[in-house]
Amino acid sequence: MQRTMKIAACQMESKPLDLRKNIEIAKEYINIAKQKEVSVVCFPELCLSGYHLVHKEIYPVSLKINSDEINEFRNIAKENNQVIILPFAERTKIPGQMFNTAVIIDDSGEIAGVHRKFYLWDDEKHCFRRGDKFMSYSTSKAKIGINICYDAEFSEPPRINALQGAQILFVPSVWSFTAEPRWDIQLPARALDNSFYVVGVNTIGENACGKSIFLSPEGEILKQAPVKEEEILICEVNLAEVDKVRGKIPYIKDYEEGLFDQI
């Protein structure tokens, strides 16, 4: 694993239900990130379809994990020596069934993990099935966790990821202006509580508040994108900081695993 690396949070505005156009936009972002020697690239929630929650409309632009489109990104990751975190509407083998998914593609082109959104917000429940677990994924660059948007509004999923050894938590989102105060509070809290980096990757348009963000293991803002503009937000992180902060503020070491047995 690398100790120091550049990460790109791609604050991309998706074109609603235009799969091919969104793929081309994502590839342009990846190319720019490659030129800037970025090791890990992450996109917002449902970036290949847009956050469009009418089942009969989003289903035609959903993809299977082994689709040609996903394999295209696998080839790019291998060619660029990059880890790519790509959220999309995942079609299952059961007709009409989808997950709100983020696939983690390692720099070998292999799939390092698949996170399916566990906590579905409002109308998402009418489009997607719920995921069933939270895991941390080992990549060549770092051990990472994924919480998709509303997942990160609960304290337990990031803690699970931290206890599994995650050094960076990525939060691909379509986070609204209405919920903007929660973005400002909850993401720094998740970083501080678990002493790891948090990378919030939001979109713009569709009532999203932008403000993609990098947070240190002490919850401090390292970089933040604007509210209404697309941006490739790039930040260099040092994984040694995770160990350093955990040595200074021992939340993880002092955590009592049996605490919830009393419930």
Protein backbone atom coordinates (compact mmCIF):
# COMPACT_ATOMS: atom_id res chain seq x y z
CA MET A 1 0.00 0.00 0.00
CA GLN A 2 1.08 3.55 -0.64
CA ARG A 3 1.60 5.83 2.36
CA THR A 4 1.27 9.12 0.50
CA MET A 5 -1.02 9.56 -2.49
CA LYS A 6 -3.20 11.98 -4.39
CA ILE A 7 -6.95 11.40 -4.41
CA ALA A 8 -9.50 13.02 -6.73
CA ALA A 9 -13.09 13.73 -5.67
CA CYS A 10 -14.88 14.33 -8.97
CA GLN A 11 -17.74 16.76 -8.37
CA MET A 12 -19.43 15.79 -11.63
CA GLU A 13 -22.84 16.94 -12.85
CA SER A 14 -24.47 13.89 -14.45
CA LYS A 15 -26.73 14.19 -17.46
CA PRO A 16 -30.04 12.63 -16.41
CA LEU A 17 -30.49 9.15 -17.90
CA ASP A 18 -27.76 9.67 -20.54
CA LEU A 19 -25.51 6.70 -19.84
CA ARG A 20 -23.11 7.15 -22.75
CA LYS A 21 -22.60 10.86 -22.12
CA ASN A 22 -21.95 10.30 -18.42
CA ILE A 23 -19.41 7.59 -19.22
CA GLU A 24 -17.58 9.99 -21.52
CA ILE A 25 -17.62 12.74 -18.86
CA ALA A 26 -16.26 10.31 -16.25
CA LYS A 27 -13.49 9.21 -18.61
CA GLU A 28 -12.49 12.85 -19.18
CA TYR A 29 -12.23 13.35 -15.40
CA ILE A 30 -10.12 10.21 -15.07
CA ASN A 31 -7.78 11.41 -17.83
CA ILE A 32 -7.30 14.77 -16.10
CA ALA A 33 -6.64 12.97 -12.82
CA LYS A 34 -4.03 10.76 -14.52
CA GLN A 35 -2.19 13.82 -15.79
CA LYS A 36 -2.06 15.13 -12.22
CA GLU A 37 -0.68 11.78 -10.95
CA VAL A 38 -3.78 10.89 -8.94
CA SER A 39 -3.84 7.38 -7.46
CA VAL A 40 -7.53 7.09 -6.47
CA VAL A 41 -10.52 8.61 -8.31
CA CYS A 42 -14.02 8.69 -6.81
CA PHE A 43 -17.29 9.83 -8.42
CA PRO A 44 -20.68 10.83 -6.90
CA GLU A 45 -23.60 8.54 -6.21
CA LEU A 46 -25.35 7.20 -9.34
CA CYS A 47 -23.02 9.23 -11.53
CA LEU A 48 -23.67 7.17 -14.66
CA SER A 49 -27.45 7.71 -14.62
CA GLY A 50 -28.02 10.81 -12.55
CA TYR A 51 -30.14 10.73 -9.43
CA HIS A 52 -33.39 9.93 -11.19
CA LEU A 53 -35.80 7.92 -9.09
CA VAL A 54 -38.48 6.73 -11.51
CA HIS A 55 -37.88 2.99 -11.74
CA LYS A 56 -39.11 2.49 -15.30
CA GLU A 57 -36.81 5.28 -16.51
CA ILE A 58 -33.61 4.47 -14.61
CA TYR A 59 -33.78 0.71 -15.17
CA PRO A 60 -32.85 0.91 -18.89
CA VAL A 61 -29.60 2.70 -17.98
CA SER A 62 -28.70 0.30 -15.15
CA LEU A 63 -25.71 -2.00 -15.67
CA LYS A 64 -24.60 -5.43 -14.56
CA ILE A 65 -21.28 -5.69 -12.73
CA ASN A 66 -19.84 -7.71 -15.62
CA SER A 67 -21.16 -5.35 -18.34
CA ASP A 68 -19.02 -4.00 -21.17
CA GLU A 69 -19.31 -0.52 -19.68
CA ILE A 70 -17.91 -1.55 -16.29
CA ASN A 71 -15.20 -3.59 -18.02
CA GLU A 72 -14.25 -0.44 -19.92
CA PHE A 73 -13.47 1.26 -16.61
CA ARG A 74 -11.58 -1.82 -15.44
CA ASN A 75 -9.32 -1.54 -18.46
CA ILE A 76 -8.77 2.17 -17.80
CA ALA A 77 -7.88 1.54 -14.15
CA LYS A 78 -5.25 -1.01 -15.19
CA GLU A 79 -3.85 1.18 -17.94
CA ASN A 80 -3.64 4.23 -15.63
CA ASN A 81 -2.47 2.36 -12.51
CA GLN A 82 -5.40 3.95 -10.64
CA VAL A 83 -8.09 2.83 -8.22
CA ILE A 84 -11.51 3.94 -9.50
CA ILE A 85 -14.61 4.12 -7.29
CA LEU A 86 -17.58 4.16 -9.65
CA PRO A 87 -21.19 4.49 -8.39
CA PHE A 88 -24.02 3.38 -10.68
CA ALA A 89 -27.42 1.71 -10.79
CA GLU A 90 -26.64 -2.01 -10.70
CA ARG A 91 -28.94 -4.40 -12.54
CA THR A 92 -29.20 -7.88 -11.04
CA LYS A 93 -30.03 -11.18 -12.73
CA ILE A 94 -33.62 -10.79 -11.52
CA PRO A 95 -35.57 -8.67 -14.04
CA GLY A 96 -36.49 -5.24 -12.68
CA GLN A 97 -34.25 -5.52 -9.61
CA MET A 98 -31.51 -2.94 -8.95
CA PHE A 99 -29.06 -1.84 -6.28
CA ASN A 100 -27.62 1.62 -5.69
CA THR A 101 -24.01 0.49 -5.99
CA ALA A 102 -20.39 1.61 -5.95
CA VAL A 103 -17.80 -0.69 -7.48
CA ILE A 104 -14.18 -0.46 -6.35
CA ILE A 105 -11.79 -1.22 -9.22
CA ASP A 106 -8.17 -1.81 -8.22
CA ASP A 107 -5.24 -0.62 -10.33
CA SER A 108 -4.85 -4.19 -11.64
CA GLY A 109 -8.26 -3.87 -13.28
CA GLU A 110 -9.70 -6.40 -10.85
CA ILE A 111 -12.81 -5.61 -8.82
CA ALA A 112 -11.68 -5.13 -5.22
CA GLY A 113 -15.20 -4.80 -3.86
CA VAL A 114 -18.84 -3.91 -4.42
CA HIS A 115 -20.76 -1.78 -1.93
CA ARG A 116 -24.53 -1.71 -2.24
CA LYS A 117 -26.25 1.14 -0.42
CA PHE A 118 -27.73 -0.13 2.83
CA TYR A 119 -29.77 2.85 4.03
CA LEU A 120 -32.13 3.94 1.25
CA TRP A 121 -33.48 7.48 1.43
CA ASP A 122 -37.17 8.16 0.77
CA ASP A 123 -38.12 7.30 -2.86
CA GLU A 124 -34.95 5.25 -3.31
CA LYS A 125 -36.89 2.47 -1.60
CA HIS A 126 -39.19 2.32 -4.65
CA CYS A 127 -36.26 1.85 -7.06
CA PHE A 128 -33.60 -0.19 -5.31
CA ARG A 129 -33.12 -3.18 -3.09
CA ARG A 130 -31.16 -2.58 0.08
CA GLY A 131 -27.58 -3.81 0.46
CA ASP A 132 -26.85 -6.23 3.28
CA LYS A 133 -23.46 -5.34 4.80
CA PHE A 134 -20.64 -2.88 5.34
CA MET A 135 -17.12 -3.98 4.52
CA SER A 136 -13.67 -2.48 4.14
CA TYR A 137 -11.87 -3.25 0.91
CA SER A 138 -8.16 -3.82 0.40
CA THR A 139 -6.71 -2.04 -2.62
CA SER A 140 -3.11 -1.53 -3.71
CA LYS A 141 -3.31 2.09 -2.52
CA ALA A 142 -5.12 1.86 0.83
CA LYS A 143 -7.76 -0.03 2.78
CA ILE A 144 -11.01 1.82 2.20
CA GLY A 145 -14.63 1.91 3.27
CA ILE A 146 -17.60 3.07 1.21
CA ASN A 147 -20.76 4.68 2.60
CA ILE A 148 -23.15 5.89 -0.07
CA CYS A 149 -24.77 9.18 0.99
CA TYR A 150 -27.43 8.34 3.63
CA ASP A 151 -25.29 5.41 4.86
CA ALA A 152 -22.93 7.98 6.40
CA GLU A 153 -25.72 9.67 8.36
CA PHE A 154 -25.61 6.74 10.78
CA SER A 155 -22.61 6.46 13.07
CA GLU A 156 -22.37 2.67 12.99
CA PRO A 157 -21.32 2.03 9.35
CA PRO A 158 -18.17 4.21 9.50
CA ARG A 159 -17.27 2.65 12.85
CA ILE A 160 -17.64 -0.83 11.32
CA ASN A 161 -15.31 0.23 8.51
CA ALA A 162 -12.79 1.66 11.00
CA LEU A 163 -12.81 -1.52 13.10
CA GLN A 164 -12.17 -3.49 9.90
CA GLY A 165 -9.04 -1.44 9.30
CA ALA A 166 -10.22 1.22 6.84
CA GLN A 167 -7.85 4.18 6.51
CA ILE A 168 -10.08 6.24 4.20
CA LEU A 169 -13.88 6.44 4.03
CA PHE A 170 -15.37 7.51 0.70
CA VAL A 171 -18.90 8.95 0.72
CA PRO A 172 -20.28 9.19 -2.85
CA SER A 173 -23.42 11.30 -2.56
CA VAL A 174 -26.26 13.28 -4.01
CA TRP A 175 -26.58 15.46 -0.91
CA SER A 176 -29.30 18.12 -1.05
CA PHE A 177 -29.33 21.79 -0.12
CA THR A 178 -31.95 20.95 2.50
CA ALA A 179 -29.52 18.55 4.17
CA GLU A 180 -26.45 20.78 3.68
CA PRO A 181 -26.09 21.54 7.44
CA ARG A 182 -25.85 17.79 8.07
CA TRP A 183 -23.08 17.48 5.45
CA ASP A 184 -21.16 20.16 7.34
CA ILE A 185 -21.59 18.39 10.69
CA GLN A 186 -21.77 14.66 10.04
CA LEU A 187 -18.83 14.12 7.72
CA PRO A 188 -16.29 15.85 9.99
CA ALA A 189 -17.76 13.90 12.91
CA ARG A 190 -17.31 10.60 11.06
CA ALA A 191 -13.65 11.46 10.39
CA LEU A 192 -12.93 12.48 13.98
CA ASP A 193 -14.88 9.65 15.64
CA ASN A 194 -13.02 7.02 13.62
CA SER A 195 -9.65 8.75 13.14
CA PHE A 196 -9.52 8.22 9.39
CA TYR A 197 -9.69 10.35 6.27
CA VAL A 198 -13.17 11.04 4.92
CA VAL A 199 -13.69 11.98 1.27
CA GLY A 200 -17.20 13.27 0.58
CA VAL A 201 -17.90 13.27 -3.17
CA ASN A 202 -21.08 15.17 -3.99
CA THR A 203 -22.64 16.29 -7.26
CA ILE A 204 -24.27 19.53 -8.40
CA GLY A 205 -27.65 20.02 -10.04
CA GLU A 206 -30.69 17.95 -9.06
CA ASN A 207 -30.87 20.10 -5.87
CA ALA A 208 -27.45 18.87 -4.68
CA CYS A 209 -25.30 21.21 -2.62
CA GLY A 210 -21.84 20.38 -4.02
CA LYS A 211 -19.13 21.04 -1.42
CA SER A 212 -17.19 17.84 -2.04
CA ILE A 213 -14.72 17.64 0.81
CA PHE A 214 -11.52 16.11 2.17
CA LEU A 215 -11.35 15.71 5.95
CA SER A 216 -8.34 14.80 8.05
CA PRO A 217 -8.37 12.01 10.67
CA GLU A 218 -9.03 14.78 13.23
CA GLY A 219 -12.07 16.05 11.30
CA GLU A 220 -10.35 19.15 9.92
CA ILE A 221 -11.24 20.40 6.43
CA LEU A 222 -8.28 19.91 4.11
CA LYS A 223 -9.99 20.96 0.87
CA GLN A 224 -13.54 21.74 -0.23
CA ALA A 225 -15.21 22.32 -3.60
CA PRO A 226 -17.69 25.13 -4.37
CA VAL A 227 -21.45 24.78 -4.11
CA LYS A 228 -22.56 25.12 -7.74
CA GLU A 229 -19.56 24.31 -9.91
CA GLU A 230 -18.13 21.09 -11.27
CA GLU A 231 -14.61 20.47 -10.01
CA ILE A 232 -11.96 17.78 -9.77
CA LEU A 233 -10.94 18.31 -6.16
CA ILE A 234 -7.48 16.82 -5.59
CA CYS A 235 -5.81 16.37 -2.22
CA GLU A 236 -2.67 14.56 -1.11
CA VAL A 237 -3.10 12.34 1.93
CA ASN A 238 -0.57 10.53 4.11
CA LEU A 239 -1.79 7.30 5.67
CA ALA A 240 0.78 7.66 8.44
CA GLU A 241 -1.50 10.41 9.78
CA VAL A 242 -4.16 7.79 10.55
CA ASP A 243 -1.76 5.88 12.81
CA LYS A 244 -0.50 9.11 14.34
CA VAL A 245 -3.97 10.38 15.25
CA ARG A 246 -5.09 6.98 16.56
CA GLY A 247 -2.06 7.01 18.84
CA LYS A 248 -2.99 10.45 20.13
CA ILE A 249 -6.78 10.06 20.35
CA PRO A 250 -7.44 6.37 21.13
CA TYR A 251 -11.12 6.10 20.15
CA ILE A 252 -10.57 2.90 18.18
CA LYS A 253 -8.24 1.25 20.71
CA ASP A 254 -10.61 2.04 23.59
CA TYR A 255 -13.81 0.98 21.80
CA GLU A 256 -15.72 -1.70 23.71
CA GLU A 257 -17.01 -4.21 21.16
CA GLY A 258 -19.51 -5.73 23.57
CA LEU A 259 -21.19 -2.41 24.30
CA PHE A 260 -24.31 -3.14 22.24
CA ASP A 261 -24.86 -6.64 23.58
CA GLN A 262 -27.03 -5.09 26.32
CA ILE A 263 -29.60 -3.78 23.81
